[in-house]
């Protein structure tokens, strides 16, 4: 299978690239600095950034599926998803590529915390989402809306806090809200779950929460 990866040089993107190659997929990665990309000899590299419409289209063209691990790298207002996702969606429409699996966040929807204890729900919504993660959450909300309106076969994987370390291979999956008490999950497990969605119709046209 031919897989296009956005955000391939990020921490989750590197894991996705590694897993795609291990599975025997042909990978195209959009990379700003190929010399620093450790898989540059094993994938088709497109030089450029996610805000470059031409580079985005070159990355998508000829692929069977798109994986996106794009997102803000700081707490500042970066508008990465607001700027990049429309270009990816447009490129997919133009080239006839239908399937996209995108890394999102548990804060993308208003009812994402409805299964949490009341005190935790209040704390996260009023302190965390409205202050520290204000801009990151806004970007994830925007990504959700754009994918939902895209007409593509999309899936948005929505974890809570991402941690480093090896995959456990065991986690909870919920299509309604973040599982009760779920506060973190390793990037490695998220990458594994995203990989499972490449050929699975289970969560097409939906968001899905994953957490320990």
N, C-alpha and C. Protein backbone atom coordinates (compact mmCIF):
# COMPACT_ATOMS: atom_id res chain seq x y z
N UNK A 1 0.84 -1.19 0.00
CA UNK A 1 0.00 0.00 0.00
C UNK A 1 0.88 1.25 0.00
N UNK A 2 0.40 2.29 -0.68
CA UNK A 2 1.15 3.54 -0.75
C UNK A 2 0.58 4.52 0.28
N UNK A 3 1.45 4.98 1.19
CA UNK A 3 1.04 5.81 2.30
C UNK A 3 1.74 7.16 2.26
N UNK A 4 0.97 8.23 2.34
CA UNK A 4 1.53 9.58 2.44
C UNK A 4 1.48 10.00 3.91
N UNK A 5 2.59 10.52 4.42
CA UNK A 5 2.64 10.90 5.83
C UNK A 5 2.99 12.38 5.97
N UNK A 6 2.14 13.09 6.72
CA UNK A 6 2.42 14.48 7.08
C UNK A 6 2.82 14.52 8.55
N UNK A 7 3.81 15.34 8.85
CA UNK A 7 4.34 15.36 10.22
C UNK A 7 5.25 14.18 10.47
N UNK A 8 5.87 13.66 9.42
CA UNK A 8 6.67 12.44 9.53
C UNK A 8 7.91 12.60 10.39
N UNK A 9 8.42 13.81 10.52
CA UNK A 9 9.63 14.01 11.30
C UNK A 9 9.36 14.31 12.77
N UNK A 10 8.07 14.40 13.15
CA UNK A 10 7.71 14.61 14.55
C UNK A 10 7.78 13.30 15.32
N UNK A 11 7.54 13.39 16.63
CA UNK A 11 7.69 12.20 17.47
C UNK A 11 6.71 11.08 17.12
N UNK A 12 5.45 11.43 16.88
CA UNK A 12 4.49 10.41 16.47
C UNK A 12 4.68 10.05 15.00
N UNK A 13 5.02 11.03 14.18
CA UNK A 13 5.23 10.78 12.76
C UNK A 13 6.36 9.81 12.50
N UNK A 14 7.42 9.90 13.27
CA UNK A 14 8.54 8.97 13.12
C UNK A 14 8.10 7.54 13.42
N UNK A 15 7.26 7.39 14.43
CA UNK A 15 6.75 6.06 14.78
C UNK A 15 5.86 5.52 13.66
N UNK A 16 5.04 6.38 13.08
CA UNK A 16 4.18 5.96 11.96
C UNK A 16 5.03 5.54 10.76
N UNK A 17 6.05 6.34 10.47
CA UNK A 17 6.92 6.01 9.34
C UNK A 17 7.60 4.66 9.57
N UNK A 18 8.12 4.46 10.75
CA UNK A 18 8.78 3.21 11.10
C UNK A 18 7.85 2.02 10.93
N UNK A 19 6.62 2.17 11.40
CA UNK A 19 5.66 1.07 11.33
C UNK A 19 5.20 0.81 9.90
N UNK A 20 5.04 1.86 9.11
CA UNK A 20 4.66 1.67 7.71
C UNK A 20 5.73 0.90 6.95
N UNK A 21 6.97 1.26 7.18
CA UNK A 21 8.07 0.57 6.51
C UNK A 21 8.16 -0.89 6.96
N UNK A 22 7.96 -1.12 8.24
CA UNK A 22 8.00 -2.49 8.76
C UNK A 22 6.89 -3.35 8.17
N UNK A 23 5.76 -2.70 7.85
CA UNK A 23 4.62 -3.42 7.27
C UNK A 23 4.75 -3.60 5.76
N UNK A 24 5.82 -3.04 5.19
CA UNK A 24 6.04 -3.19 3.76
C UNK A 24 5.35 -2.17 2.89
N UNK A 25 4.83 -1.10 3.48
CA UNK A 25 4.16 -0.07 2.70
C UNK A 25 5.19 0.84 2.01
N UNK A 26 4.77 1.42 0.90
CA UNK A 26 5.59 2.43 0.23
C UNK A 26 5.21 3.79 0.81
N UNK A 27 6.20 4.50 1.33
CA UNK A 27 5.93 5.73 2.06
C UNK A 27 6.43 6.96 1.31
N UNK A 28 5.58 7.98 1.29
CA UNK A 28 5.99 9.31 0.83
C UNK A 28 5.85 10.24 2.01
N UNK A 29 6.92 10.97 2.33
CA UNK A 29 6.91 11.85 3.48
C UNK A 29 7.25 13.27 3.07
N UNK A 30 6.45 14.21 3.55
CA UNK A 30 6.73 15.63 3.33
C UNK A 30 7.64 16.10 4.46
N UNK A 31 8.85 16.55 4.08
CA UNK A 31 9.86 16.88 5.08
C UNK A 31 10.54 18.20 4.73
N UNK A 32 10.74 19.05 5.73
CA UNK A 32 11.40 20.33 5.51
C UNK A 32 12.92 20.18 5.38
N UNK A 33 13.49 19.31 6.20
CA UNK A 33 14.95 19.13 6.21
C UNK A 33 15.27 17.63 6.08
N UNK A 34 15.31 17.13 4.85
CA UNK A 34 15.56 15.70 4.63
C UNK A 34 16.83 15.19 5.27
N UNK A 35 17.86 16.02 5.36
CA UNK A 35 19.13 15.57 5.92
C UNK A 35 18.99 15.13 7.37
N UNK A 36 17.98 15.65 8.07
CA UNK A 36 17.77 15.31 9.47
C UNK A 36 16.74 14.19 9.66
N UNK A 37 16.16 13.73 8.55
CA UNK A 37 15.10 12.71 8.62
C UNK A 37 15.74 11.33 8.51
N UNK A 38 15.65 10.56 9.55
CA UNK A 38 16.42 9.31 9.60
C UNK A 38 15.93 8.22 8.63
N UNK A 39 14.73 8.39 8.10
CA UNK A 39 14.23 7.40 7.14
C UNK A 39 14.34 7.89 5.70
N UNK A 40 15.15 8.91 5.47
CA UNK A 40 15.20 9.53 4.14
C UNK A 40 15.62 8.57 3.04
N UNK A 41 16.41 7.56 3.35
CA UNK A 41 16.86 6.61 2.34
C UNK A 41 15.84 5.52 2.06
N UNK A 42 14.82 5.44 2.91
CA UNK A 42 13.85 4.34 2.79
C UNK A 42 12.49 4.79 2.29
N UNK A 43 12.29 6.09 2.15
CA UNK A 43 11.00 6.60 1.71
C UNK A 43 11.19 7.55 0.54
N UNK A 44 10.09 7.87 -0.10
CA UNK A 44 10.10 8.93 -1.11
C UNK A 44 9.91 10.24 -0.38
N UNK A 45 10.89 11.10 -0.42
CA UNK A 45 10.84 12.37 0.29
C UNK A 45 10.38 13.49 -0.64
N UNK A 46 9.41 14.26 -0.17
CA UNK A 46 9.01 15.49 -0.85
C UNK A 46 9.52 16.64 0.02
N UNK A 47 10.33 17.48 -0.57
CA UNK A 47 10.89 18.61 0.16
C UNK A 47 9.88 19.75 0.24
N UNK A 48 9.60 20.19 1.46
CA UNK A 48 8.67 21.31 1.61
C UNK A 48 7.94 21.26 2.93
N UNK A 49 7.00 22.17 3.09
CA UNK A 49 6.23 22.25 4.32
C UNK A 49 4.75 22.04 4.07
N UNK A 50 4.01 21.86 5.13
CA UNK A 50 2.58 21.55 5.04
C UNK A 50 1.74 22.75 4.65
N UNK A 51 2.35 23.94 4.54
CA UNK A 51 1.62 25.12 4.10
C UNK A 51 1.86 25.42 2.62
N UNK A 52 2.59 24.53 1.95
CA UNK A 52 2.92 24.68 0.53
C UNK A 52 1.98 23.77 -0.27
N UNK A 53 1.02 24.35 -0.95
CA UNK A 53 0.00 23.56 -1.65
C UNK A 53 0.59 22.61 -2.69
N UNK A 54 1.63 23.07 -3.38
CA UNK A 54 2.25 22.22 -4.40
C UNK A 54 2.93 21.02 -3.77
N UNK A 55 3.67 21.24 -2.70
CA UNK A 55 4.35 20.15 -2.02
C UNK A 55 3.35 19.17 -1.40
N UNK A 56 2.26 19.70 -0.86
CA UNK A 56 1.23 18.86 -0.26
C UNK A 56 0.62 17.96 -1.33
N UNK A 57 0.32 18.52 -2.49
CA UNK A 57 -0.27 17.72 -3.56
C UNK A 57 0.72 16.65 -4.04
N UNK A 58 1.99 16.98 -4.16
CA UNK A 58 3.00 16.01 -4.58
C UNK A 58 3.10 14.86 -3.58
N UNK A 59 2.88 15.17 -2.31
CA UNK A 59 2.94 14.14 -1.28
C UNK A 59 1.75 13.20 -1.36
N UNK A 60 0.59 13.77 -1.59
CA UNK A 60 -0.65 12.99 -1.61
C UNK A 60 -0.81 12.17 -2.88
N UNK A 61 -0.42 12.72 -3.99
CA UNK A 61 -0.68 12.12 -5.31
C UNK A 61 -0.15 10.69 -5.40
N UNK A 62 -1.02 9.78 -5.84
CA UNK A 62 -0.62 8.39 -6.03
C UNK A 62 -0.73 7.53 -4.78
N UNK A 63 -1.15 8.12 -3.68
CA UNK A 63 -1.24 7.37 -2.43
C UNK A 63 -2.57 6.65 -2.29
N UNK A 64 -2.60 5.64 -1.46
CA UNK A 64 -3.83 4.94 -1.12
C UNK A 64 -4.45 5.49 0.15
N UNK A 65 -3.60 6.02 1.02
CA UNK A 65 -4.06 6.53 2.32
C UNK A 65 -3.13 7.62 2.79
N UNK A 66 -3.68 8.56 3.53
CA UNK A 66 -2.90 9.65 4.12
C UNK A 66 -2.92 9.49 5.63
N UNK A 67 -1.75 9.61 6.25
CA UNK A 67 -1.63 9.65 7.70
C UNK A 67 -1.12 11.03 8.08
N UNK A 68 -1.79 11.68 9.02
CA UNK A 68 -1.34 12.99 9.46
C UNK A 68 -1.05 12.98 10.95
N UNK A 69 0.17 13.38 11.29
CA UNK A 69 0.56 13.53 12.69
C UNK A 69 0.90 14.99 12.96
N UNK A 70 0.30 15.87 12.18
CA UNK A 70 0.56 17.30 12.34
C UNK A 70 -0.09 17.84 13.61
N UNK A 71 0.49 18.89 14.14
CA UNK A 71 -0.07 19.53 15.31
C UNK A 71 0.86 20.59 15.83
N UNK A 72 0.39 21.35 16.79
CA UNK A 72 1.20 22.42 17.38
C UNK A 72 2.37 21.82 18.15
N UNK A 73 3.50 22.52 18.12
CA UNK A 73 4.67 22.06 18.86
C UNK A 73 4.94 22.91 20.09
N UNK A 74 4.06 23.84 20.36
CA UNK A 74 4.20 24.68 21.54
C UNK A 74 2.81 25.09 22.00
N UNK A 75 2.74 25.88 23.07
CA UNK A 75 1.46 26.35 23.57
C UNK A 75 1.03 27.66 22.93
N UNK A 76 1.85 28.15 22.01
CA UNK A 76 1.53 29.41 21.33
C UNK A 76 0.49 29.18 20.23
N UNK A 77 -0.05 30.27 19.73
CA UNK A 77 -1.02 30.21 18.63
C UNK A 77 -0.25 30.00 17.33
N UNK A 78 -0.23 28.76 16.84
CA UNK A 78 0.55 28.43 15.65
C UNK A 78 -0.31 28.23 14.41
N UNK A 79 -1.57 27.85 14.60
CA UNK A 79 -2.50 27.64 13.47
C UNK A 79 -2.00 26.62 12.46
N UNK A 80 -1.26 25.63 12.93
CA UNK A 80 -0.72 24.61 12.02
C UNK A 80 -1.85 23.86 11.32
N UNK A 81 -2.78 23.36 12.09
CA UNK A 81 -3.87 22.56 11.51
C UNK A 81 -4.83 23.42 10.70
N UNK A 82 -5.09 24.63 11.18
CA UNK A 82 -5.98 25.53 10.45
C UNK A 82 -5.45 25.83 9.05
N UNK A 83 -4.13 25.86 8.91
CA UNK A 83 -3.52 26.18 7.62
C UNK A 83 -3.24 24.94 6.77
N UNK A 84 -2.85 23.86 7.42
CA UNK A 84 -2.42 22.67 6.66
C UNK A 84 -3.56 21.75 6.24
N UNK A 85 -4.52 21.53 7.12
CA UNK A 85 -5.58 20.56 6.82
C UNK A 85 -6.38 20.93 5.57
N UNK A 86 -6.75 22.20 5.36
CA UNK A 86 -7.46 22.53 4.12
C UNK A 86 -6.67 22.19 2.87
N UNK A 87 -5.35 22.35 2.93
CA UNK A 87 -4.51 22.02 1.77
C UNK A 87 -4.47 20.51 1.54
N UNK A 88 -4.41 19.75 2.62
CA UNK A 88 -4.40 18.29 2.49
C UNK A 88 -5.72 17.80 1.93
N UNK A 89 -6.82 18.32 2.47
CA UNK A 89 -8.15 17.94 1.98
C UNK A 89 -8.30 18.28 0.50
N UNK A 90 -7.88 19.47 0.12
CA UNK A 90 -7.98 19.89 -1.28
C UNK A 90 -7.15 18.99 -2.18
N UNK A 91 -5.94 18.65 -1.74
CA UNK A 91 -5.07 17.79 -2.54
C UNK A 91 -5.67 16.40 -2.69
N UNK A 92 -6.28 15.90 -1.64
CA UNK A 92 -6.91 14.58 -1.71
C UNK A 92 -8.09 14.59 -2.67
N UNK A 93 -8.89 15.63 -2.64
CA UNK A 93 -10.01 15.73 -3.57
C UNK A 93 -9.52 15.81 -5.00
N UNK A 94 -8.48 16.59 -5.23
CA UNK A 94 -7.95 16.79 -6.57
C UNK A 94 -7.34 15.51 -7.16
N UNK A 95 -6.77 14.68 -6.29
CA UNK A 95 -6.06 13.49 -6.76
C UNK A 95 -6.86 12.20 -6.57
N UNK A 96 -8.03 12.31 -5.97
CA UNK A 96 -8.88 11.13 -5.82
C UNK A 96 -8.51 10.21 -4.68
N UNK A 97 -7.73 10.69 -3.74
CA UNK A 97 -7.37 9.88 -2.57
C UNK A 97 -8.45 10.10 -1.50
N UNK A 98 -9.02 9.02 -0.98
CA UNK A 98 -10.17 9.15 -0.10
C UNK A 98 -9.87 8.96 1.39
N UNK A 99 -8.91 8.14 1.72
CA UNK A 99 -8.73 7.74 3.12
C UNK A 99 -7.68 8.58 3.84
N UNK A 100 -8.07 9.15 5.00
CA UNK A 100 -7.13 9.89 5.83
C UNK A 100 -7.36 9.52 7.29
N UNK A 101 -6.25 9.24 7.99
CA UNK A 101 -6.28 8.98 9.43
C UNK A 101 -5.43 10.06 10.07
N UNK A 102 -6.06 10.88 10.91
CA UNK A 102 -5.38 12.04 11.47
C UNK A 102 -5.26 11.94 12.99
N UNK A 103 -4.13 12.37 13.49
CA UNK A 103 -3.93 12.46 14.93
C UNK A 103 -4.63 13.71 15.44
N UNK A 104 -5.52 13.53 16.40
CA UNK A 104 -6.22 14.65 16.99
C UNK A 104 -5.92 14.76 18.47
N UNK A 105 -6.93 15.15 19.23
CA UNK A 105 -6.78 15.32 20.66
C UNK A 105 -8.12 15.11 21.35
N UNK A 106 -8.07 14.63 22.58
CA UNK A 106 -9.30 14.40 23.33
C UNK A 106 -10.07 15.68 23.60
N UNK A 107 -9.45 16.83 23.36
CA UNK A 107 -10.13 18.09 23.60
C UNK A 107 -10.88 18.64 22.41
N UNK A 108 -11.00 17.86 21.35
CA UNK A 108 -11.58 18.38 20.12
C UNK A 108 -13.09 18.58 20.19
N UNK A 109 -13.77 17.85 21.04
CA UNK A 109 -15.22 17.93 21.11
C UNK A 109 -15.68 18.33 22.51
N UNK A 110 -16.78 19.06 22.59
CA UNK A 110 -17.27 19.58 23.87
C UNK A 110 -17.65 18.47 24.84
N UNK A 111 -18.16 17.35 24.32
CA UNK A 111 -18.60 16.27 25.22
C UNK A 111 -17.54 15.19 25.42
N UNK A 112 -16.30 15.50 25.09
CA UNK A 112 -15.24 14.50 25.18
C UNK A 112 -14.98 14.03 26.61
N UNK A 113 -15.35 14.86 27.59
CA UNK A 113 -15.06 14.53 29.00
C UNK A 113 -16.30 14.08 29.76
N UNK A 114 -17.37 13.76 29.06
CA UNK A 114 -18.63 13.46 29.75
C UNK A 114 -18.58 12.20 30.61
N UNK A 115 -17.59 11.34 30.40
CA UNK A 115 -17.48 10.13 31.20
C UNK A 115 -16.51 10.29 32.38
N UNK A 116 -15.96 11.48 32.53
CA UNK A 116 -15.01 11.73 33.62
C UNK A 116 -15.75 12.17 34.88
N UNK A 117 -15.08 12.02 36.00
CA UNK A 117 -15.64 12.51 37.26
C UNK A 117 -15.86 14.01 37.15
N UNK A 118 -16.88 14.52 37.83
CA UNK A 118 -17.25 15.93 37.71
C UNK A 118 -16.10 16.87 38.05
N UNK A 119 -15.34 16.56 39.09
CA UNK A 119 -14.24 17.45 39.49
C UNK A 119 -13.16 17.50 38.42
N UNK A 120 -12.90 16.34 37.81
CA UNK A 120 -11.86 16.30 36.77
C UNK A 120 -12.34 17.01 35.51
N UNK A 121 -13.60 16.83 35.18
CA UNK A 121 -14.17 17.49 34.01
C UNK A 121 -14.07 19.01 34.16
N UNK A 122 -14.42 19.52 35.36
CA UNK A 122 -14.37 20.96 35.61
C UNK A 122 -12.92 21.44 35.53
N UNK A 123 -12.01 20.72 36.14
CA UNK A 123 -10.60 21.11 36.16
C UNK A 123 -10.02 21.20 34.76
N UNK A 124 -10.24 20.17 33.96
CA UNK A 124 -9.67 20.12 32.61
C UNK A 124 -10.29 21.19 31.72
N UNK A 125 -11.60 21.30 31.74
CA UNK A 125 -12.27 22.26 30.86
C UNK A 125 -11.98 23.71 31.23
N UNK A 126 -11.96 24.01 32.52
CA UNK A 126 -11.83 25.40 32.94
C UNK A 126 -10.39 25.86 33.17
N UNK A 127 -9.53 24.96 33.56
CA UNK A 127 -8.15 25.33 33.84
C UNK A 127 -7.21 24.96 32.70
N UNK A 128 -7.30 23.71 32.25
CA UNK A 128 -6.37 23.22 31.24
C UNK A 128 -6.74 23.70 29.84
N UNK A 129 -7.96 23.37 29.40
CA UNK A 129 -8.36 23.69 28.02
C UNK A 129 -8.55 25.18 27.79
N UNK A 130 -8.96 25.91 28.80
CA UNK A 130 -9.22 27.34 28.61
C UNK A 130 -8.01 28.23 28.88
N UNK A 131 -6.93 27.63 29.35
CA UNK A 131 -5.73 28.43 29.62
C UNK A 131 -4.52 27.85 28.91
N UNK A 132 -3.87 26.85 29.51
CA UNK A 132 -2.63 26.31 28.98
C UNK A 132 -2.76 25.79 27.55
N UNK A 133 -3.83 25.05 27.29
CA UNK A 133 -4.00 24.42 25.97
C UNK A 133 -5.03 25.12 25.09
N UNK A 134 -5.27 26.37 25.38
CA UNK A 134 -6.31 27.12 24.66
C UNK A 134 -6.14 27.05 23.15
N UNK A 135 -4.95 27.36 22.66
CA UNK A 135 -4.75 27.41 21.21
C UNK A 135 -4.65 26.02 20.59
N UNK A 136 -4.04 25.09 21.32
CA UNK A 136 -3.95 23.72 20.81
C UNK A 136 -5.33 23.10 20.66
N UNK A 137 -6.18 23.33 21.64
CA UNK A 137 -7.55 22.81 21.57
C UNK A 137 -8.32 23.47 20.43
N UNK A 138 -8.15 24.76 20.25
CA UNK A 138 -8.83 25.46 19.16
C UNK A 138 -8.44 24.86 17.80
N UNK A 139 -7.17 24.51 17.66
CA UNK A 139 -6.71 23.91 16.41
C UNK A 139 -7.33 22.54 16.19
N UNK A 140 -7.47 21.76 17.25
CA UNK A 140 -8.07 20.43 17.12
C UNK A 140 -9.55 20.52 16.80
N UNK A 141 -10.22 21.50 17.38
CA UNK A 141 -11.64 21.73 17.04
C UNK A 141 -11.76 22.06 15.55
N UNK A 142 -10.85 22.91 15.07
CA UNK A 142 -10.87 23.29 13.66
C UNK A 142 -10.61 22.08 12.78
N UNK A 143 -9.65 21.23 13.17
CA UNK A 143 -9.35 20.04 12.38
C UNK A 143 -10.58 19.13 12.30
N UNK A 144 -11.24 18.92 13.42
CA UNK A 144 -12.44 18.08 13.44
C UNK A 144 -13.49 18.61 12.44
N UNK A 145 -13.74 19.89 12.50
CA UNK A 145 -14.76 20.48 11.64
C UNK A 145 -14.39 20.34 10.16
N UNK A 146 -13.12 20.54 9.85
CA UNK A 146 -12.69 20.44 8.45
C UNK A 146 -12.76 19.02 7.93
N UNK A 147 -12.36 18.06 8.74
CA UNK A 147 -12.43 16.66 8.31
C UNK A 147 -13.89 16.21 8.18
N UNK A 148 -14.72 16.62 9.13
CA UNK A 148 -16.13 16.22 9.11
C UNK A 148 -16.85 16.75 7.88
N UNK A 149 -16.40 17.90 7.37
CA UNK A 149 -17.04 18.51 6.21
C UNK A 149 -16.35 18.16 4.90
N UNK A 150 -15.34 17.33 4.96
CA UNK A 150 -14.47 17.10 3.79
C UNK A 150 -15.07 16.18 2.73
N UNK A 151 -15.97 15.28 3.14
CA UNK A 151 -16.48 14.29 2.20
C UNK A 151 -15.53 13.14 1.99
N UNK A 152 -14.44 13.10 2.74
CA UNK A 152 -13.44 12.04 2.64
C UNK A 152 -13.77 10.91 3.61
N UNK A 153 -13.07 9.80 3.46
CA UNK A 153 -13.17 8.69 4.41
C UNK A 153 -12.17 8.97 5.54
N UNK A 154 -12.58 9.78 6.49
CA UNK A 154 -11.66 10.26 7.51
C UNK A 154 -11.87 9.55 8.84
N UNK A 155 -10.80 9.50 9.61
CA UNK A 155 -10.86 9.07 11.00
C UNK A 155 -9.94 9.99 11.79
N UNK A 156 -10.43 10.51 12.91
CA UNK A 156 -9.60 11.34 13.78
C UNK A 156 -9.40 10.59 15.09
N UNK A 157 -8.15 10.25 15.37
CA UNK A 157 -7.79 9.51 16.57
C UNK A 157 -7.50 10.52 17.68
N UNK A 158 -8.22 10.41 18.80
CA UNK A 158 -8.20 11.47 19.81
C UNK A 158 -7.71 10.95 21.17
N UNK A 159 -6.41 11.00 21.41
CA UNK A 159 -5.87 10.58 22.70
C UNK A 159 -5.81 11.72 23.69
N UNK A 160 -5.63 11.40 24.99
CA UNK A 160 -5.35 12.44 25.98
C UNK A 160 -3.84 12.75 25.92
N UNK A 161 -3.21 13.01 27.05
CA UNK A 161 -1.79 13.34 27.07
C UNK A 161 -0.95 12.20 26.48
N UNK A 162 -0.04 12.56 25.57
CA UNK A 162 0.84 11.58 24.95
C UNK A 162 2.13 11.46 25.75
N UNK A 163 2.56 10.22 25.97
CA UNK A 163 3.79 9.97 26.70
C UNK A 163 4.77 9.23 25.81
N UNK A 164 6.01 9.20 26.24
CA UNK A 164 7.04 8.47 25.50
C UNK A 164 7.14 7.05 26.07
N UNK A 165 7.98 6.24 25.45
CA UNK A 165 8.15 4.89 25.96
C UNK A 165 7.53 3.85 25.05
N UNK A 166 7.74 2.58 25.37
CA UNK A 166 7.26 1.49 24.51
C UNK A 166 5.75 1.32 24.57
N UNK A 167 5.22 0.71 23.53
CA UNK A 167 3.79 0.42 23.49
C UNK A 167 3.45 -0.68 24.48
N UNK A 168 2.30 -0.57 25.11
CA UNK A 168 1.81 -1.62 26.00
C UNK A 168 1.01 -2.67 25.22
N UNK A 169 0.39 -2.20 24.14
CA UNK A 169 -0.43 -3.12 23.36
C UNK A 169 -1.82 -3.31 23.95
N UNK A 170 -2.10 -2.61 25.05
CA UNK A 170 -3.41 -2.69 25.69
C UNK A 170 -3.87 -1.28 26.04
N UNK A 171 -5.04 -0.93 25.56
CA UNK A 171 -5.61 0.39 25.83
C UNK A 171 -7.10 0.33 25.57
N UNK A 172 -7.80 1.36 26.03
CA UNK A 172 -9.25 1.41 25.86
C UNK A 172 -9.61 2.27 24.64
N UNK A 173 -10.63 1.86 23.94
CA UNK A 173 -11.10 2.56 22.75
C UNK A 173 -12.57 2.90 22.95
N UNK A 174 -12.93 4.15 22.66
CA UNK A 174 -14.32 4.57 22.87
C UNK A 174 -14.71 5.58 21.79
N UNK A 175 -15.85 5.38 21.18
CA UNK A 175 -16.31 6.28 20.13
C UNK A 175 -17.16 7.43 20.62
N UNK A 176 -17.50 7.44 21.92
CA UNK A 176 -18.37 8.47 22.47
C UNK A 176 -17.63 9.56 23.23
N UNK A 177 -16.66 9.16 24.03
CA UNK A 177 -15.94 10.11 24.88
C UNK A 177 -14.67 9.45 25.40
N UNK A 178 -13.83 10.26 26.02
CA UNK A 178 -12.62 9.73 26.62
C UNK A 178 -13.00 8.74 27.71
N UNK A 179 -12.44 7.51 27.69
CA UNK A 179 -12.77 6.53 28.72
C UNK A 179 -12.55 7.08 30.13
N UNK A 180 -13.40 6.72 31.05
CA UNK A 180 -13.35 7.24 32.42
C UNK A 180 -11.96 7.02 33.03
N UNK A 181 -11.39 8.09 33.55
CA UNK A 181 -10.07 8.01 34.18
C UNK A 181 -8.92 8.00 33.19
N UNK A 182 -9.22 8.02 31.90
CA UNK A 182 -8.16 7.99 30.89
C UNK A 182 -7.46 9.33 30.81
N UNK A 183 -6.19 9.37 31.14
CA UNK A 183 -5.48 10.65 31.16
C UNK A 183 -4.21 10.65 30.32
N UNK A 184 -3.80 9.47 29.86
CA UNK A 184 -2.58 9.43 29.06
C UNK A 184 -2.50 8.14 28.25
N UNK A 185 -1.58 8.14 27.30
CA UNK A 185 -1.30 6.96 26.49
C UNK A 185 0.02 7.20 25.76
N UNK A 186 0.78 6.17 25.53
CA UNK A 186 2.06 6.31 24.85
C UNK A 186 1.86 6.56 23.36
N UNK A 187 2.72 7.40 22.81
CA UNK A 187 2.67 7.66 21.36
C UNK A 187 2.75 6.37 20.57
N UNK A 188 3.52 5.43 21.08
CA UNK A 188 3.72 4.16 20.37
C UNK A 188 2.40 3.41 20.21
N UNK A 189 1.58 3.42 21.25
CA UNK A 189 0.28 2.76 21.15
C UNK A 189 -0.66 3.52 20.22
N UNK A 190 -0.58 4.85 20.25
CA UNK A 190 -1.40 5.65 19.33
C UNK A 190 -1.00 5.38 17.89
N UNK A 191 0.30 5.30 17.64
CA UNK A 191 0.78 5.00 16.29
C UNK A 191 0.29 3.63 15.84
N UNK A 192 0.33 2.66 16.73
CA UNK A 192 -0.16 1.32 16.39
C UNK A 192 -1.64 1.35 16.06
N UNK A 193 -2.41 2.10 16.84
CA UNK A 193 -3.85 2.19 16.59
C UNK A 193 -4.13 2.88 15.26
N UNK A 194 -3.39 3.95 14.97
CA UNK A 194 -3.57 4.64 13.70
C UNK A 194 -3.25 3.71 12.54
N UNK A 195 -2.23 2.89 12.69
CA UNK A 195 -1.88 1.94 11.64
C UNK A 195 -3.02 0.94 11.39
N UNK A 196 -3.67 0.53 12.45
CA UNK A 196 -4.78 -0.42 12.31
C UNK A 196 -5.93 0.16 11.49
N UNK A 197 -6.05 1.48 11.51
CA UNK A 197 -7.17 2.13 10.82
C UNK A 197 -6.97 2.23 9.31
N UNK A 198 -5.76 1.99 8.84
CA UNK A 198 -5.48 2.12 7.41
C UNK A 198 -6.43 1.27 6.58
N UNK A 199 -6.64 0.04 7.02
CA UNK A 199 -7.47 -0.87 6.24
C UNK A 199 -8.78 -1.22 6.94
N UNK A 200 -9.07 -0.53 8.04
CA UNK A 200 -10.29 -0.86 8.79
C UNK A 200 -11.39 0.17 8.53
N UNK A 201 -12.62 -0.29 8.30
CA UNK A 201 -13.74 0.65 8.09
C UNK A 201 -14.44 1.03 9.39
N UNK A 202 -14.01 0.49 10.51
CA UNK A 202 -14.73 0.64 11.77
C UNK A 202 -14.99 2.10 12.15
N UNK A 203 -13.97 2.94 12.01
CA UNK A 203 -14.09 4.32 12.47
C UNK A 203 -14.08 5.34 11.33
N UNK A 204 -14.45 4.91 10.15
CA UNK A 204 -14.52 5.84 9.02
C UNK A 204 -15.64 6.85 9.25
N UNK A 205 -15.30 8.13 9.05
CA UNK A 205 -16.27 9.20 9.25
C UNK A 205 -16.54 9.49 10.70
N UNK A 206 -15.58 9.12 11.58
CA UNK A 206 -15.80 9.28 13.01
C UNK A 206 -14.51 9.69 13.72
N UNK A 207 -14.70 10.19 14.94
CA UNK A 207 -13.58 10.38 15.84
C UNK A 207 -13.57 9.22 16.80
N UNK A 208 -12.40 8.87 17.32
CA UNK A 208 -12.31 7.75 18.26
C UNK A 208 -11.28 8.07 19.32
N UNK A 209 -11.65 7.84 20.59
CA UNK A 209 -10.78 8.12 21.71
C UNK A 209 -9.98 6.87 22.08
N UNK A 210 -8.70 7.04 22.40
CA UNK A 210 -7.86 5.95 22.86
C UNK A 210 -7.12 6.41 24.11
N UNK A 211 -7.09 5.58 25.13
CA UNK A 211 -6.43 5.94 26.38
C UNK A 211 -6.18 4.68 27.22
N UNK A 212 -5.26 4.76 28.13
CA UNK A 212 -5.04 3.64 29.07
C UNK A 212 -6.17 3.62 30.08
